[in-house]
PDB file of N, CA and C in Angstrom:
ATOM      1  N   UNK A   1     -55.418  68.523-131.899  1.00  0.00           N
ATOM      2  CA  UNK A   1     -56.837  68.624-132.213  1.00  0.00           C
ATOM      3  C   UNK A   1     -57.383  67.211-132.434  1.00  0.00           C
ATOM      4  N   UNK A   2     -58.435  66.878-131.715  1.00  0.00           N
ATOM      5  CA  UNK A   2     -59.037  65.546-131.784  1.00  0.00           C
ATOM      6  C   UNK A   2     -60.344  65.607-132.578  1.00  0.00           C
ATOM      7  N   UNK A   3     -60.641  64.548-133.305  1.00  0.00           N
ATOM      8  CA  UNK A   3     -61.897  64.514-134.053  1.00  0.00           C
ATOM      9  C   UNK A   3     -63.080  64.479-133.083  1.00  0.00           C
ATOM     10  N   UNK A   4     -64.191  65.027-133.522  1.00  0.00           N
ATOM     11  CA  UNK A   4     -65.403  65.112-132.710  1.00  0.00           C
ATOM     12  C   UNK A   4     -66.099  63.759-132.574  1.00  0.00           C
ATOM     13  N   UNK A   5     -65.980  62.923-133.598  1.00  0.00           N
ATOM     14  CA  UNK A   5     -66.668  61.635-133.633  1.00  0.00           C
ATOM     15  C   UNK A   5     -65.657  60.500-133.757  1.00  0.00           C
ATOM     16  N   UNK A   6     -66.044  59.316-133.298  1.00  0.00           N
ATOM     17  CA  UNK A   6     -65.170  58.150-133.294  1.00  0.00           C
ATOM     18  C   UNK A   6     -65.638  57.118-134.305  1.00  0.00           C
ATOM     19  N   UNK A   7     -64.718  56.221-134.675  1.00  0.00           N
ATOM     20  CA  UNK A   7     -65.054  55.131-135.593  1.00  0.00           C
ATOM     21  C   UNK A   7     -66.174  54.291-134.979  1.00  0.00           C
ATOM     22  N   UNK A   8     -67.184  53.977-135.783  1.00  0.00           N
ATOM     23  CA  UNK A   8     -68.310  53.174-135.324  1.00  0.00           C
ATOM     24  C   UNK A   8     -69.451  53.978-134.740  1.00  0.00           C
ATOM     25  N   UNK A   9     -69.235  55.265-134.479  1.00  0.00           N
ATOM     26  CA  UNK A   9     -70.290  56.108-133.909  1.00  0.00           C
ATOM     27  C   UNK A   9     -71.364  56.402-134.956  1.00  0.00           C
ATOM     28  N   UNK A  10     -72.625  56.398-134.545  1.00  0.00           N
ATOM     29  CA  UNK A  10     -73.734  56.671-135.462  1.00  0.00           C
ATOM     30  C   UNK A  10     -73.950  58.181-135.555  1.00  0.00           C
ATOM     31  N   UNK A  11     -73.988  58.667-136.796  1.00  0.00           N
ATOM     32  CA  UNK A  11     -74.104  60.099-137.068  1.00  0.00           C
ATOM     33  C   UNK A  11     -75.111  60.343-138.191  1.00  0.00           C
ATOM     34  N   UNK A  12     -75.495  61.608-138.351  1.00  0.00           N
ATOM     35  CA  UNK A  12     -76.353  61.985-139.475  1.00  0.00           C
ATOM     36  C   UNK A  12     -75.718  63.163-140.212  1.00  0.00           C
ATOM     37  N   UNK A  13     -76.108  63.323-141.470  1.00  0.00           N
ATOM     38  CA  UNK A  13     -75.650  64.440-142.303  1.00  0.00           C
ATOM     39  C   UNK A  13     -76.631  64.597-143.449  1.00  0.00           C
ATOM     40  N   UNK A  14     -76.657  65.775-144.043  1.00  0.00           N
ATOM     41  CA  UNK A  14     -77.575  66.061-145.146  1.00  0.00           C
ATOM     42  C   UNK A  14     -76.845  66.042-146.479  1.00  0.00           C
ATOM     43  N   UNK A  15     -77.476  65.405-147.472  1.00  0.00           N
ATOM     44  CA  UNK A  15     -76.974  65.389-148.842  1.00  0.00           C
ATOM     45  C   UNK A  15     -78.147  65.700-149.753  1.00  0.00           C
ATOM     46  N   UNK A  16     -78.044  66.788-150.498  1.00  0.00           N
ATOM     47  CA  UNK A  16     -79.091  67.191-151.444  1.00  0.00           C
ATOM     48  C   UNK A  16     -80.473  67.220-150.788  1.00  0.00           C
ATOM     49  N   UNK A  17     -80.548  67.770-149.573  1.00  0.00           N
ATOM     50  CA  UNK A  17     -81.822  67.921-148.882  1.00  0.00           C
ATOM     51  C   UNK A  17     -82.329  66.668-148.185  1.00  0.00           C
ATOM     52  N   UNK A  18     -81.572  65.581-148.241  1.00  0.00           N
ATOM     53  CA  UNK A  18     -81.968  64.334-147.595  1.00  0.00           C
ATOM     54  C   UNK A  18     -81.052  64.073-146.401  1.00  0.00           C
ATOM     55  N   UNK A  19     -81.641  63.775-145.243  1.00  0.00           N
ATOM     56  CA  UNK A  19     -80.855  63.441-144.070  1.00  0.00           C
ATOM     57  C   UNK A  19     -80.538  61.956-144.086  1.00  0.00           C
ATOM     58  N   UNK A  20     -79.251  61.653-144.014  1.00  0.00           N
ATOM     59  CA  UNK A  20     -78.790  60.273-144.024  1.00  0.00           C
ATOM     60  C   UNK A  20     -78.206  59.924-142.660  1.00  0.00           C
ATOM     61  N   UNK A  21     -78.372  58.686-142.236  1.00  0.00           N
ATOM     62  CA  UNK A  21     -77.842  58.205-140.969  1.00  0.00           C
ATOM     63  C   UNK A  21     -76.927  57.023-141.260  1.00  0.00           C
ATOM     64  N   UNK A  22     -75.746  57.068-140.647  1.00  0.00           N
ATOM     65  CA  UNK A  22     -74.791  55.984-140.860  1.00  0.00           C
ATOM     66  C   UNK A  22     -73.760  55.935-139.755  1.00  0.00           C
ATOM     67  N   UNK A  23     -72.793  55.062-139.931  1.00  0.00           N
ATOM     68  CA  UNK A  23     -71.735  54.869-138.944  1.00  0.00           C
ATOM     69  C   UNK A  23     -70.404  55.356-139.498  1.00  0.00           C
ATOM     70  N   UNK A  24     -69.644  56.063-138.651  1.00  0.00           N
ATOM     71  CA  UNK A  24     -68.319  56.534-139.041  1.00  0.00           C
ATOM     72  C   UNK A  24     -67.454  55.313-139.335  1.00  0.00           C
ATOM     73  N   UNK A  25     -66.888  55.292-140.531  1.00  0.00           N
ATOM     74  CA  UNK A  25     -66.063  54.171-140.977  1.00  0.00           C
ATOM     75  C   UNK A  25     -64.581  54.549-140.968  1.00  0.00           C
ATOM     76  N   UNK A  26     -64.276  55.749-141.475  1.00  0.00           N
ATOM     77  CA  UNK A  26     -62.897  56.242-141.542  1.00  0.00           C
ATOM     78  C   UNK A  26     -62.892  57.706-141.122  1.00  0.00           C
ATOM     79  N   UNK A  27     -61.863  58.092-140.362  1.00  0.00           N
ATOM     80  CA  UNK A  27     -61.658  59.483-139.959  1.00  0.00           C
ATOM     81  C   UNK A  27     -60.400  59.974-140.664  1.00  0.00           C
ATOM     82  N   UNK A  28     -60.514  61.097-141.378  1.00  0.00           N
ATOM     83  CA  UNK A  28     -59.378  61.690-142.091  1.00  0.00           C
ATOM     84  C   UNK A  28     -59.146  63.105-141.580  1.00  0.00           C
ATOM     85  N   UNK A  29     -57.885  63.524-141.580  1.00  0.00           N
ATOM     86  CA  UNK A  29     -57.571  64.920-141.307  1.00  0.00           C
ATOM     87  C   UNK A  29     -57.075  65.520-142.607  1.00  0.00           C
ATOM     88  N   UNK A  30     -57.701  66.616-143.021  1.00  0.00           N
ATOM     89  CA  UNK A  30     -57.250  67.298-144.246  1.00  0.00           C
ATOM     90  C   UNK A  30     -56.418  68.509-143.833  1.00  0.00           C
ATOM     91  N   UNK A  31     -55.354  68.763-144.576  1.00  0.00           N
ATOM     92  CA  UNK A  31     -54.554  69.950-144.282  1.00  0.00           C
ATOM     93  C   UNK A  31     -55.209  71.175-144.906  1.00  0.00           C
ATOM     94  N   UNK A  32     -54.701  72.347-144.584  1.00  0.00           N
ATOM     95  CA  UNK A  32     -55.314  73.605-145.027  1.00  0.00           C
ATOM     96  C   UNK A  32     -55.380  73.709-146.551  1.00  0.00           C
ATOM     97  N   UNK A  33     -54.305  73.309-147.249  1.00  0.00           N
ATOM     98  CA  UNK A  33     -54.299  73.402-148.711  1.00  0.00           C
ATOM     99  C   UNK A  33     -55.362  72.500-149.330  1.00  0.00           C
ATOM    100  N   UNK A  34     -55.470  71.278-148.842  1.00  0.00           N
ATOM    101  CA  UNK A  34     -56.469  70.337-149.358  1.00  0.00           C
ATOM    102  C   UNK A  34     -57.878  70.850-149.080  1.00  0.00           C
ATOM    103  N   UNK A  35     -58.102  71.379-147.877  1.00  0.00           N
ATOM    104  CA  UNK A  35     -59.413  71.913-147.519  1.00  0.00           C
ATOM    105  C   UNK A  35     -59.830  73.072-148.403  1.00  0.00           C
ATOM    106  N   UNK A  36     -58.900  73.963-148.691  1.00  0.00           N
ATOM    107  CA  UNK A  36     -59.195  75.103-149.567  1.00  0.00           C
ATOM    108  C   UNK A  36     -59.460  74.630-150.995  1.00  0.00           C
ATOM    109  N   UNK A  37     -58.682  73.665-151.468  1.00  0.00           N
ATOM    110  CA  UNK A  37     -58.844  73.138-152.823  1.00  0.00           C
ATOM    111  C   UNK A  37     -60.246  72.586-153.017  1.00  0.00           C
ATOM    112  N   UNK A  38     -60.770  71.864-152.029  1.00  0.00           N
ATOM    113  CA  UNK A  38     -62.089  71.255-152.137  1.00  0.00           C
ATOM    114  C   UNK A  38     -63.207  72.166-151.632  1.00  0.00           C
ATOM    115  N   UNK A  39     -62.880  73.401-151.251  1.00  0.00           N
ATOM    116  CA  UNK A  39     -63.893  74.344-150.784  1.00  0.00           C
ATOM    117  C   UNK A  39     -64.437  74.008-149.412  1.00  0.00           C
ATOM    118  N   UNK A  40     -63.612  73.364-148.572  1.00  0.00           N
ATOM    119  CA  UNK A  40     -64.068  72.943-147.251  1.00  0.00           C
ATOM    120  C   UNK A  40     -63.612  73.880-146.148  1.00  0.00           C
ATOM    121  N   UNK A  41     -63.004  75.014-146.509  1.00  0.00           N
ATOM    122  CA  UNK A  41     -62.676  76.020-145.508  1.00  0.00           C
ATOM    123  C   UNK A  41     -61.452  75.735-144.660  1.00  0.00           C
ATOM    124  N   UNK A  42     -60.420  75.165-145.214  1.00  0.00           N
ATOM    125  CA  UNK A  42     -59.187  74.970-144.471  1.00  0.00           C
ATOM    126  C   UNK A  42     -59.051  73.602-143.847  1.00  0.00           C
ATOM    127  N   UNK A  43     -58.183  73.534-142.839  1.00  0.00           N
ATOM    128  CA  UNK A  43     -57.862  72.265-142.194  1.00  0.00           C
ATOM    129  C   UNK A  43     -59.018  71.778-141.323  1.00  0.00           C
ATOM    130  N   UNK A  44     -59.080  70.477-141.125  1.00  0.00           N
ATOM    131  CA  UNK A  44     -60.097  69.900-140.251  1.00  0.00           C
ATOM    132  C   UNK A  44     -60.342  68.445-140.579  1.00  0.00           C
ATOM    133  N   UNK A  45     -61.284  67.866-139.880  1.00  0.00           N
ATOM    134  CA  UNK A  45     -61.595  66.448-140.055  1.00  0.00           C
ATOM    135  C   UNK A  45     -62.709  66.235-141.066  1.00  0.00           C
ATOM    136  N   UNK A  46     -62.595  65.128-141.796  1.00  0.00           N
ATOM    137  CA  UNK A  46     -63.679  64.632-142.633  1.00  0.00           C
ATOM    138  C   UNK A  46     -63.889  63.168-142.273  1.00  0.00           C
ATOM    139  N   UNK A  47     -65.055  62.663-142.639  1.00  0.00           N
ATOM    140  CA  UNK A  47     -65.416  61.293-142.291  1.00  0.00           C
ATOM    141  C   UNK A  47     -65.897  60.539-143.517  1.00  0.00           C
ATOM    142  N   UNK A  48     -65.578  59.269-143.568  1.00  0.00           N
ATOM    143  CA  UNK A  48     -66.220  58.360-144.517  1.00  0.00           C
ATOM    144  C   UNK A  48     -67.284  57.646-143.698  1.00  0.00           C
ATOM    145  N   UNK A  49     -68.536  57.738-144.136  1.00  0.00           N
ATOM    146  CA  UNK A  49     -69.667  57.257-143.353  1.00  0.00           C
ATOM    147  C   UNK A  49     -70.420  56.196-144.150  1.00  0.00           C
ATOM    148  N   UNK A  50     -70.585  55.018-143.533  1.00  0.00           N
ATOM    149  CA  UNK A  50     -71.322  53.916-144.155  1.00  0.00           C
ATOM    150  C   UNK A  50     -72.803  54.086-143.866  1.00  0.00           C
ATOM    151  N   UNK A  51     -73.590  54.248-144.940  1.00  0.00           N
ATOM    152  CA  UNK A  51     -75.041  54.394-144.818  1.00  0.00           C
ATOM    153  C   UNK A  51     -75.653  53.088-145.326  1.00  0.00           C
ATOM    154  N   UNK A  52     -76.044  52.241-144.389  1.00  0.00           N
ATOM    155  CA  UNK A  52     -76.556  50.904-144.742  1.00  0.00           C
ATOM    156  C   UNK A  52     -77.841  50.956-145.548  1.00  0.00           C
ATOM    157  N   UNK A  53     -78.716  51.948-145.275  1.00  0.00           N
ATOM    158  CA  UNK A  53     -79.984  52.030-146.005  1.00  0.00           C
ATOM    159  C   UNK A  53     -79.775  52.299-147.493  1.00  0.00           C
ATOM    160  N   UNK A  54     -78.623  52.852-147.858  1.00  0.00           N
ATOM    161  CA  UNK A  54     -78.289  53.117-149.264  1.00  0.00           C
ATOM    162  C   UNK A  54     -77.227  52.144-149.779  1.00  0.00           C
ATOM    163  N   UNK A  55     -76.733  51.279-148.884  1.00  0.00           N
ATOM    164  CA  UNK A  55     -75.649  50.359-149.215  1.00  0.00           C
ATOM    165  C   UNK A  55     -74.501  51.124-149.871  1.00  0.00           C
ATOM    166  N   UNK A  56     -74.107  52.239-149.205  1.00  0.00           N
ATOM    167  CA  UNK A  56     -73.096  53.112-149.792  1.00  0.00           C
ATOM    168  C   UNK A  56     -72.193  53.716-148.719  1.00  0.00           C
ATOM    169  N   UNK A  57     -70.944  53.947-149.104  1.00  0.00           N
ATOM    170  CA  UNK A  57     -69.980  54.639-148.266  1.00  0.00           C
ATOM    171  C   UNK A  57     -69.848  56.061-148.803  1.00  0.00           C
ATOM    172  N   UNK A  58     -70.237  57.039-147.997  1.00  0.00           N
ATOM    173  CA  UNK A  58     -70.122  58.450-148.381  1.00  0.00           C
ATOM    174  C   UNK A  58     -68.777  58.950-147.873  1.00  0.00           C
ATOM    175  N   UNK A  59     -67.964  59.491-148.777  1.00  0.00           N
ATOM    176  CA  UNK A  59     -66.583  59.832-148.453  1.00  0.00           C
ATOM    177  C   UNK A  59     -66.388  61.337-148.295  1.00  0.00           C
ATOM    178  N   UNK A  60     -65.445  61.687-147.416  1.00  0.00           N
ATOM    179  CA  UNK A  60     -64.986  63.063-147.202  1.00  0.00           C
ATOM    180  C   UNK A  60     -66.105  64.001-146.754  1.00  0.00           C
ATOM    181  N   UNK A  61     -66.949  63.547-145.831  1.00  0.00           N
ATOM    182  CA  UNK A  61     -68.021  64.389-145.295  1.00  0.00           C
ATOM    183  C   UNK A  61     -67.402  65.307-144.236  1.00  0.00           C
ATOM    184  N   UNK A  62     -67.476  66.630-144.416  1.00  0.00           N
ATOM    185  CA  UNK A  62     -66.843  67.552-143.472  1.00  0.00           C
ATOM    186  C   UNK A  62     -67.492  67.490-142.078  1.00  0.00           C
ATOM    187  N   UNK A  63     -66.652  67.595-141.063  1.00  0.00           N
ATOM    188  CA  UNK A  63     -67.119  67.493-139.681  1.00  0.00           C
ATOM    189  C   UNK A  63     -68.223  68.502-139.349  1.00  0.00           C
ATOM    190  N   UNK A  64     -68.177  69.680-139.960  1.00  0.00           N
ATOM    191  CA  UNK A  64     -69.148  70.720-139.615  1.00  0.00           C
ATOM    192  C   UNK A  64     -70.572  70.433-140.091  1.00  0.00           C
ATOM    193  N   UNK A  65     -70.780  69.383-140.889  1.00  0.00           N
ATOM    194  CA  UNK A  65     -72.162  69.047-141.280  1.00  0.00           C
ATOM    195  C   UNK A  65     -72.620  67.714-140.683  1.00  0.00           C
ATOM    196  N   UNK A  66     -71.789  67.141-139.806  1.00  0.00           N
ATOM    197  CA  UNK A  66     -72.104  65.851-139.181  1.00  0.00           C
ATOM    198  C   UNK A  66     -72.646  66.095-137.773  1.00  0.00           C
ATOM    199  N   UNK A  67     -73.672  65.321-137.407  1.00  0.00           N
ATOM    200  CA  UNK A  67     -74.302  65.423-136.087  1.00  0.00           C
ATOM    201  C   UNK A  67     -74.413  64.038-135.477  1.00  0.00           C
ATOM    202  N   UNK A  68     -74.163  63.949-134.187  1.00  0.00           N
ATOM    203  CA  UNK A  68     -74.267  62.667-133.485  1.00  0.00           C
ATOM    204  C   UNK A  68     -75.748  62.261-133.372  1.00  0.00           C
ATOM    205  N   UNK A  69     -76.020  60.986-133.570  1.00  0.00           N
ATOM    206  CA  UNK A  69     -77.374  60.438-133.414  1.00  0.00           C
ATOM    207  C   UNK A  69     -77.432  59.755-132.057  1.00  0.00           C
ATOM    208  N   UNK A  70     -78.345  60.208-131.221  1.00  0.00           N
ATOM    209  CA  UNK A  70     -78.526  59.587-129.912  1.00  0.00           C
ATOM    210  C   UNK A  70     -79.347  58.333-130.085  1.00  0.00           C
ATOM    211  N   UNK A  71     -78.904  57.241-129.465  1.00  0.00           N
ATOM    212  CA  UNK A  71     -79.625  55.964-129.581  1.00  0.00           C
ATOM    213  C   UNK A  71     -80.598  55.797-128.447  1.00  0.00           C
TER     214      UNK A  71
END
């Protein structure tokens, strides 16, 4: 199983009703136990995404809420 997005790719995701845009910094694969523990629905990919407008790295963003931003 390959991740949907690559390092450096620009993506968007929603946090507390706000859409944030950033670049994929780290790609992680979580196993089923870890995914269930964090309420993420089992195994799959998460991303650490650098959002420059907030000067922040958002960690463990589940793949199912990430969308590619077309440039």
